[in-house]
Amino acid sequence: MKAMILAAGRGERMRPLTNNTPKPLLKARGKYLIQYHIEALATAGFKELVINHAYLGNQIESTIGNGERFGVTITYSPEGEPLGTAGGIKRALPLLGLDPYVVINGDIWSDFPRSTLKVQLPKNILAHLVLVANPKHNPAGDFTLQNTKVANNGTGQRLTFSGIGIYHPSLFIDAPTDTFSLAPLLRKSCDRGQITGQYYAGRWLDVGTPQRLQELEKILESLVTVGS
């Protein structure tokens, strides 16, 4: 099973840290943000990774390389100008193949066990999403989890999409070939009952601002302290 890390965002909210450095190459406790994903996926048994990039993407390729030192094979999907989440995934479809694959947003951090993602999607299901409790910057949430089905509305607690999911290539058949967000595709498929999900109560953080990068530093420091 292949996995893709979305790393094409410009990191506008991270400025000035991203003026000359792509967000995936910002560091927390001395390690690149994207490196946490690569290592976690490698540990979980994912050996073939795809990374898209746009803004200062050449820095990502030259720094991370072909993945050999992480025990994986990395293929890059350059975009030039960012194509959005869905547009970037659709561009990379020839590299991802015809089977379901895992996609992880490059600007999050989580201790979610990636090995649990190595499962097949049920028939007629186009995606499986990992949902988390709503952070302060997204108090209204994104979806409702009803048993195992993800819904746009309805009864139940509103939850936030973590940026971790399994997707079937068919989800992107109707996606435009240019810049396009993933959210409309997911919402459309939710209305058709084609999205499943699960709630994760563990550690998760959207590392979207300098303040949250500092928060991640504190989380990682606490984990080191506990483990020592």
C-alpha atoms as a PDB file:
ATOM      1  CA  MET A   1       0.000   0.000   0.000  1.00  0.00           C
ATOM      2  CA  LYS A   2       1.380   3.412  -0.964  1.00  0.00           C
ATOM      3  CA  ALA A   3       1.179   6.635   1.013  1.00  0.00           C
ATOM      4  CA  MET A   4       1.274  10.283  -0.016  1.00  0.00           C
ATOM      5  CA  ILE A   5       2.388  13.280   2.025  1.00  0.00           C
ATOM      6  CA  LEU A   6       0.876  16.601   0.956  1.00  0.00           C
ATOM      7  CA  ALA A   7       3.682  19.156   1.027  1.00  0.00           C
ATOM      8  CA  ALA A   8       2.793  21.737  -1.625  1.00  0.00           C
ATOM      9  CA  GLY A   9       1.328  24.517   0.521  1.00  0.00           C
ATOM     10  CA  ARG A  10       2.961  27.943   0.611  1.00  0.00           C
ATOM     11  CA  GLY A  11       2.830  28.213   4.398  1.00  0.00           C
ATOM     12  CA  GLU A  12       1.500  31.771   4.388  1.00  0.00           C
ATOM     13  CA  ARG A  13       0.431  31.591   8.048  1.00  0.00           C
ATOM     14  CA  MET A  14       3.954  30.500   8.977  1.00  0.00           C
ATOM     15  CA  ARG A  15       5.649  33.633   7.668  1.00  0.00           C
ATOM     16  CA  PRO A  16       8.301  34.862   8.217  1.00  0.00           C
ATOM     17  CA  LEU A  17       9.580  31.336   8.932  1.00  0.00           C
ATOM     18  CA  THR A  18       8.623  30.230   5.425  1.00  0.00           C
ATOM     19  CA  ASN A  19      10.030  33.226   3.539  1.00  0.00           C
ATOM     20  CA  ASN A  20      12.993  31.141   2.396  1.00  0.00           C
ATOM     21  CA  THR A  21      12.112  27.680   3.658  1.00  0.00           C
ATOM     22  CA  PRO A  22       9.192  25.426   2.636  1.00  0.00           C
ATOM     23  CA  LYS A  23       6.986  24.572   5.594  1.00  0.00           C
ATOM     24  CA  PRO A  24       7.768  20.805   5.489  1.00  0.00           C
ATOM     25  CA  LEU A  25      11.411  21.662   6.188  1.00  0.00           C
ATOM     26  CA  LEU A  26      10.732  23.699   9.305  1.00  0.00           C
ATOM     27  CA  LYS A  27      12.078  21.921  12.342  1.00  0.00           C
ATOM     28  CA  ALA A  28      10.682  20.842  15.700  1.00  0.00           C
ATOM     29  CA  ARG A  29      13.220  19.553  18.205  1.00  0.00           C
ATOM     30  CA  GLY A  30      15.845  19.444  15.476  1.00  0.00           C
ATOM     31  CA  LYS A  31      13.855  17.333  13.031  1.00  0.00           C
ATOM     32  CA  TYR A  32      12.070  18.376   9.839  1.00  0.00           C
ATOM     33  CA  LEU A  33       8.270  18.346  10.109  1.00  0.00           C
ATOM     34  CA  ILE A  34       8.007  16.097   7.061  1.00  0.00           C
ATOM     35  CA  GLN A  35      10.565  13.745   8.570  1.00  0.00           C
ATOM     36  CA  TYR A  36       8.160  12.833  11.376  1.00  0.00           C
ATOM     37  CA  HIS A  37       5.686  11.617   8.754  1.00  0.00           C
ATOM     38  CA  ILE A  38       8.273   9.716   6.733  1.00  0.00           C
ATOM     39  CA  GLU A  39       9.641   7.929   9.776  1.00  0.00           C
ATOM     40  CA  ALA A  40       6.188   7.099  11.145  1.00  0.00           C
ATOM     41  CA  LEU A  41       5.084   5.688   7.789  1.00  0.00           C
ATOM     42  CA  ALA A  42       8.296   3.693   7.435  1.00  0.00           C
ATOM     43  CA  THR A  43       7.840   2.232  10.924  1.00  0.00           C
ATOM     44  CA  ALA A  44       4.265   1.295  10.005  1.00  0.00           C
ATOM     45  CA  GLY A  45       5.489  -0.656   6.968  1.00  0.00           C
ATOM     46  CA  PHE A  46       4.796   1.820   4.188  1.00  0.00           C
ATOM     47  CA  LYS A  47       7.744   1.530   1.825  1.00  0.00           C
ATOM     48  CA  GLU A  48       6.557   3.510  -1.226  1.00  0.00           C
ATOM     49  CA  LEU A  49       5.865   7.183  -0.595  1.00  0.00           C
ATOM     50  CA  VAL A  50       4.802  10.023  -2.876  1.00  0.00           C
ATOM     51  CA  ILE A  51       5.437  13.640  -1.895  1.00  0.00           C
ATOM     52  CA  ASN A  52       4.001  16.551  -3.854  1.00  0.00           C
ATOM     53  CA  HIS A  53       5.559  19.977  -3.696  1.00  0.00           C
ATOM     54  CA  ALA A  54       5.350  23.452  -5.210  1.00  0.00           C
ATOM     55  CA  TYR A  55       6.716  26.399  -3.226  1.00  0.00           C
ATOM     56  CA  LEU A  56      10.507  25.950  -2.893  1.00  0.00           C
ATOM     57  CA  GLY A  57       9.953  22.297  -3.708  1.00  0.00           C
ATOM     58  CA  ASN A  58      13.490  21.804  -4.954  1.00  0.00           C
ATOM     59  CA  GLN A  59      14.650  22.275  -1.367  1.00  0.00           C
ATOM     60  CA  ILE A  60      12.441  19.387  -0.256  1.00  0.00           C
ATOM     61  CA  GLU A  61      13.846  17.062  -2.920  1.00  0.00           C
ATOM     62  CA  SER A  62      17.463  17.978  -2.251  1.00  0.00           C
ATOM     63  CA  THR A  63      17.070  17.716   1.535  1.00  0.00           C
ATOM     64  CA  ILE A  64      14.953  14.571   1.832  1.00  0.00           C
ATOM     65  CA  GLY A  65      16.308  12.740  -1.209  1.00  0.00           C
ATOM     66  CA  ASN A  66      15.048   9.407  -2.508  1.00  0.00           C
ATOM     67  CA  GLY A  67      14.141   8.055   0.929  1.00  0.00           C
ATOM     68  CA  GLU A  68      16.926   5.493   1.139  1.00  0.00           C
ATOM     69  CA  ARG A  69      18.178   6.741   4.509  1.00  0.00           C
ATOM     70  CA  PHE A  70      14.663   6.318   5.922  1.00  0.00           C
ATOM     71  CA  GLY A  71      14.229   2.827   4.520  1.00  0.00           C
ATOM     72  CA  VAL A  72      11.614   3.873   1.957  1.00  0.00           C
ATOM     73  CA  THR A  73      11.373   4.857  -1.688  1.00  0.00           C
ATOM     74  CA  ILE A  74      10.198   8.422  -2.294  1.00  0.00           C
ATOM     75  CA  THR A  75       8.799   9.663  -5.597  1.00  0.00           C
ATOM     76  CA  TYR A  76       8.058  13.354  -6.059  1.00  0.00           C
ATOM     77  CA  SER A  77       5.111  14.995  -7.776  1.00  0.00           C
ATOM     78  CA  PRO A  78       6.140  18.585  -8.587  1.00  0.00           C
ATOM     79  CA  GLU A  79       3.333  21.056  -9.255  1.00  0.00           C
ATOM     80  CA  GLY A  80       4.988  24.375  -9.995  1.00  0.00           C
ATOM     81  CA  GLU A  81       2.025  26.317  -8.654  1.00  0.00           C
ATOM     82  CA  PRO A  82       0.039  24.628  -5.832  1.00  0.00           C
ATOM     83  CA  LEU A  83      -2.963  22.677  -7.121  1.00  0.00           C
ATOM     84  CA  GLY A  84      -4.820  22.407  -3.819  1.00  0.00           C
ATOM     85  CA  THR A  85      -5.338  19.181  -1.891  1.00  0.00           C
ATOM     86  CA  ALA A  86      -7.535  17.390  -4.440  1.00  0.00           C
ATOM     87  CA  GLY A  87      -5.680  18.824  -7.417  1.00  0.00           C
ATOM     88  CA  GLY A  88      -2.366  17.684  -5.988  1.00  0.00           C
ATOM     89  CA  ILE A  89      -3.626  14.173  -5.323  1.00  0.00           C
ATOM     90  CA  LYS A  90      -5.142  13.911  -8.797  1.00  0.00           C
ATOM     91  CA  ARG A  91      -1.853  15.022 -10.362  1.00  0.00           C
ATOM     92  CA  ALA A  92      -0.109  12.235  -8.456  1.00  0.00           C
ATOM     93  CA  LEU A  93      -2.552   9.452  -9.411  1.00  0.00           C
ATOM     94  CA  PRO A  94      -0.182   7.911 -11.989  1.00  0.00           C
ATOM     95  CA  LEU A  95       2.356   7.515  -9.181  1.00  0.00           C
ATOM     96  CA  LEU A  96      -0.161   6.176  -6.655  1.00  0.00           C
ATOM     97  CA  GLY A  97      -1.667   3.444  -8.809  1.00  0.00           C
ATOM     98  CA  LEU A  98      -5.132   1.915  -8.957  1.00  0.00           C
ATOM     99  CA  ASP A  99      -5.445   0.662  -5.383  1.00  0.00           C
ATOM    100  CA  PRO A 100      -6.481   2.680  -2.309  1.00  0.00           C
ATOM    101  CA  TYR A 101      -3.679   4.667  -0.699  1.00  0.00           C
ATOM    102  CA  VAL A 102      -3.048   6.701   2.441  1.00  0.00           C
ATOM    103  CA  VAL A 103      -2.769  10.498   2.291  1.00  0.00           C
ATOM    104  CA  ILE A 104      -1.466  12.637   5.156  1.00  0.00           C
ATOM    105  CA  ASN A 105      -1.346  16.424   5.334  1.00  0.00           C
ATOM    106  CA  GLY A 106       2.245  17.505   5.739  1.00  0.00           C
ATOM    107  CA  ASP A 107       1.375  20.310   8.153  1.00  0.00           C
ATOM    108  CA  ILE A 108      -0.006  18.175  10.970  1.00  0.00           C
ATOM    109  CA  TRP A 109       1.626  16.137  13.724  1.00  0.00           C
ATOM    110  CA  SER A 110       0.041  13.157  15.418  1.00  0.00           C
ATOM    111  CA  ASP A 111       0.915   9.962  17.237  1.00  0.00           C
ATOM    112  CA  PHE A 112      -1.902   8.193  15.387  1.00  0.00           C
ATOM    113  CA  PRO A 113      -0.728   4.618  14.609  1.00  0.00           C
ATOM    114  CA  ARG A 114      -0.199   4.617  10.834  1.00  0.00           C
ATOM    115  CA  SER A 115      -0.102   0.818  10.745  1.00  0.00           C
ATOM    116  CA  THR A 116      -3.872   0.740  11.339  1.00  0.00           C
ATOM    117  CA  LEU A 117      -4.340   2.427   7.951  1.00  0.00           C
ATOM    118  CA  LYS A 118      -3.123  -0.620   6.046  1.00  0.00           C
ATOM    119  CA  VAL A 119      -6.643  -1.884   5.378  1.00  0.00           C
ATOM    120  CA  GLN A 120      -8.846  -2.272   2.332  1.00  0.00           C
ATOM    121  CA  LEU A 121     -11.816   0.017   1.822  1.00  0.00           C
ATOM    122  CA  PRO A 122     -15.199  -1.737   1.792  1.00  0.00           C
ATOM    123  CA  LYS A 123     -17.057  -1.957  -1.494  1.00  0.00           C
ATOM    124  CA  ASN A 124     -18.549   1.385  -2.642  1.00  0.00           C
ATOM    125  CA  ILE A 125     -16.591   3.309   0.003  1.00  0.00           C
ATOM    126  CA  LEU A 126     -14.382   6.012  -1.502  1.00  0.00           C
ATOM    127  CA  ALA A 127     -12.569   7.235   1.602  1.00  0.00           C
ATOM    128  CA  HIS A 128     -11.943   6.564   5.273  1.00  0.00           C
ATOM    129  CA  LEU A 129     -11.157   9.604   7.438  1.00  0.00           C
ATOM    130  CA  VAL A 130      -9.529   9.948  10.833  1.00  0.00           C
ATOM    131  CA  LEU A 131     -11.418  12.556  12.875  1.00  0.00           C
ATOM    132  CA  VAL A 132     -10.290  14.347  16.029  1.00  0.00           C
ATOM    133  CA  ALA A 133     -11.751  16.665  18.652  1.00  0.00           C
ATOM    134  CA  ASN A 134     -12.235  20.216  17.428  1.00  0.00           C
ATOM    135  CA  PRO A 135      -9.229  22.468  18.074  1.00  0.00           C
ATOM    136  CA  LYS A 136      -9.655  26.090  19.129  1.00  0.00           C
ATOM    137  CA  HIS A 137      -9.140  27.324  15.561  1.00  0.00           C
ATOM    138  CA  ASN A 138     -11.942  25.096  14.225  1.00  0.00           C
ATOM    139  CA  PRO A 139     -14.613  25.030  16.963  1.00  0.00           C
ATOM    140  CA  ALA A 140     -17.489  24.133  14.625  1.00  0.00           C
ATOM    141  CA  GLY A 141     -15.753  21.029  13.296  1.00  0.00           C
ATOM    142  CA  ASP A 142     -16.003  19.591   9.786  1.00  0.00           C
ATOM    143  CA  PHE A 143     -18.118  16.446   9.944  1.00  0.00           C
ATOM    144  CA  THR A 144     -20.363  14.323  12.126  1.00  0.00           C
ATOM    145  CA  LEU A 145     -19.473  10.701  12.803  1.00  0.00           C
ATOM    146  CA  GLN A 146     -22.544   8.455  12.836  1.00  0.00           C
ATOM    147  CA  ASN A 147     -21.440   4.960  13.785  1.00  0.00           C
ATOM    148  CA  THR A 148     -18.822   4.356  11.079  1.00  0.00           C
ATOM    149  CA  LYS A 149     -20.224   6.734   8.460  1.00  0.00           C
ATOM    150  CA  VAL A 150     -19.073  10.333   8.063  1.00  0.00           C
ATOM    151  CA  ALA A 151     -21.832  12.892   7.459  1.00  0.00           C
ATOM    152  CA  ASN A 152     -21.865  16.593   6.716  1.00  0.00           C
ATOM    153  CA  ASN A 153     -24.638  17.174   9.243  1.00  0.00           C
ATOM    154  CA  GLY A 154     -26.986  15.193  11.443  1.00  0.00           C
ATOM    155  CA  THR A 155     -27.026  14.124  15.067  1.00  0.00           C
ATOM    156  CA  GLY A 156     -23.860  13.449  16.969  1.00  0.00           C
ATOM    157  CA  GLN A 157     -20.741  15.350  17.944  1.00  0.00           C
ATOM    158  CA  ARG A 158     -19.075  17.549  15.362  1.00  0.00           C
ATOM    159  CA  LEU A 159     -15.475  16.557  14.760  1.00  0.00           C
ATOM    160  CA  THR A 160     -12.505  17.857  12.778  1.00  0.00           C
ATOM    161  CA  PHE A 161     -10.862  16.059   9.897  1.00  0.00           C
ATOM    162  CA  SER A 162      -7.318  15.279  10.997  1.00  0.00           C
ATOM    163  CA  GLY A 163      -5.742  15.358   7.548  1.00  0.00           C
ATOM    164  CA  ILE A 164      -5.167  11.589   7.704  1.00  0.00           C
ATOM    165  CA  GLY A 165      -7.185   9.369   5.409  1.00  0.00           C
ATOM    166  CA  ILE A 166      -7.401   6.458   3.008  1.00  0.00           C
ATOM    167  CA  TYR A 167      -8.659   7.247  -0.490  1.00  0.00           C
ATOM    168  CA  HIS A 168      -9.821   5.255  -3.475  1.00  0.00           C
ATOM    169  CA  PRO A 169      -8.662   6.674  -6.821  1.00  0.00           C
ATOM    170  CA  SER A 170     -12.299   6.797  -7.969  1.00  0.00           C
ATOM    171  CA  LEU A 171     -12.902   9.672  -5.539  1.00  0.00           C
ATOM    172  CA  PHE A 172     -10.957  11.938  -7.882  1.00  0.00           C
ATOM    173  CA  ILE A 173     -12.603  11.026 -11.192  1.00  0.00           C
ATOM    174  CA  ASP A 174     -14.730  14.186 -11.180  1.00  0.00           C
ATOM    175  CA  ALA A 175     -12.037  16.464  -9.755  1.00  0.00           C
ATOM    176  CA  PRO A 176     -10.800  19.239 -12.047  1.00  0.00           C
ATOM    177  CA  THR A 177      -7.287  18.941 -13.399  1.00  0.00           C
ATOM    178  CA  ASP A 178      -6.298  22.327 -11.995  1.00  0.00           C
ATOM    179  CA  THR A 179      -6.434  23.810  -8.487  1.00  0.00           C
ATOM    180  CA  PHE A 180      -9.138  22.130  -6.429  1.00  0.00           C
ATOM    181  CA  SER A 181      -9.781  21.494  -2.730  1.00  0.00           C
ATOM    182  CA  LEU A 182     -10.474  18.094  -1.225  1.00  0.00           C
ATOM    183  CA  ALA A 183     -13.351  19.262   0.991  1.00  0.00           C
ATOM    184  CA  PRO A 184     -16.032  19.516  -1.771  1.00  0.00           C
ATOM    185  CA  LEU A 185     -15.246  15.990  -2.988  1.00  0.00           C
ATOM    186  CA  LEU A 186     -15.502  14.584   0.522  1.00  0.00           C
ATOM    187  CA  ARG A 187     -18.759  16.402   1.274  1.00  0.00           C
ATOM    188  CA  LYS A 188     -20.317  15.224  -1.978  1.00  0.00           C
ATOM    189  CA  SER A 189     -19.348  11.635  -1.213  1.00  0.00           C
ATOM    190  CA  CYS A 190     -20.584  11.976   2.379  1.00  0.00           C
ATOM    191  CA  ASP A 191     -24.043  12.799   1.062  1.00  0.00           C
ATOM    192  CA  ARG A 192     -23.904   9.554  -0.926  1.00  0.00           C
ATOM    193  CA  GLY A 193     -22.895   7.510   2.120  1.00  0.00           C
ATOM    194  CA  GLN A 194     -19.512   6.693   0.616  1.00  0.00           C
ATOM    195  CA  ILE A 195     -17.222   7.929   3.402  1.00  0.00           C
ATOM    196  CA  THR A 196     -16.405   6.031   6.579  1.00  0.00           C
ATOM    197  CA  GLY A 197     -14.444   7.330   9.534  1.00  0.00           C
ATOM    198  CA  GLN A 198     -13.103   6.840  13.013  1.00  0.00           C
ATOM    199  CA  TYR A 199     -12.487   9.054  16.025  1.00  0.00           C
ATOM    200  CA  TYR A 200      -8.955   9.352  17.371  1.00  0.00           C
ATOM    201  CA  ALA A 201      -8.555  10.664  20.910  1.00  0.00           C
ATOM    202  CA  GLY A 202      -4.760  10.736  20.965  1.00  0.00           C
ATOM    203  CA  ARG A 203      -2.305  13.536  20.282  1.00  0.00           C
ATOM    204  CA  TRP A 204      -2.891  15.626  17.171  1.00  0.00           C
ATOM    205  CA  LEU A 205      -1.886  19.136  16.173  1.00  0.00           C
ATOM    206  CA  ASP A 206      -2.350  21.310  13.100  1.00  0.00           C
ATOM    207  CA  VAL A 207       1.099  22.904  12.843  1.00  0.00           C
ATOM    208  CA  GLY A 208      -0.117  25.872  10.822  1.00  0.00           C
ATOM    209  CA  THR A 209       1.350  28.875  12.619  1.00  0.00           C
ATOM    210  CA  PRO A 210       4.585  29.784  14.434  1.00  0.00           C
ATOM    211  CA  GLN A 211       2.680  29.576  17.721  1.00  0.00           C
ATOM    212  CA  ARG A 212       1.556  26.009  17.005  1.00  0.00           C
ATOM    213  CA  LEU A 213       5.090  25.099  15.977  1.00  0.00           C
ATOM    214  CA  GLN A 214       6.159  26.209  19.452  1.00  0.00           C
ATOM    215  CA  GLU A 215       3.313  24.130  20.884  1.00  0.00           C
ATOM    216  CA  LEU A 216       4.654  21.099  19.032  1.00  0.00           C
ATOM    217  CA  GLU A 217       8.089  21.748  20.516  1.00  0.00           C
ATOM    218  CA  LYS A 218       6.528  21.572  23.992  1.00  0.00           C
ATOM    219  CA  ILE A 219       4.654  18.346  23.162  1.00  0.00           C
ATOM    220  CA  LEU A 220       7.799  16.676  21.865  1.00  0.00           C
ATOM    221  CA  GLU A 221       9.763  17.893  24.874  1.00  0.00           C
ATOM    222  CA  SER A 222       7.175  16.386  27.200  1.00  0.00           C
ATOM    223  CA  LEU A 223       7.379  13.049  25.381  1.00  0.00           C
ATOM    224  CA  VAL A 224      11.151  13.019  25.769  1.00  0.00           C
ATOM    225  CA  THR A 225      10.807  13.833  29.475  1.00  0.00           C
ATOM    226  CA  VAL A 226       8.286  11.048  30.017  1.00  0.00           C
ATOM    227  CA  GLY A 227      10.422   8.559  28.114  1.00  0.00           C
ATOM    228  CA  SER A 228      13.653   9.397  29.931  1.00  0.00           C
END
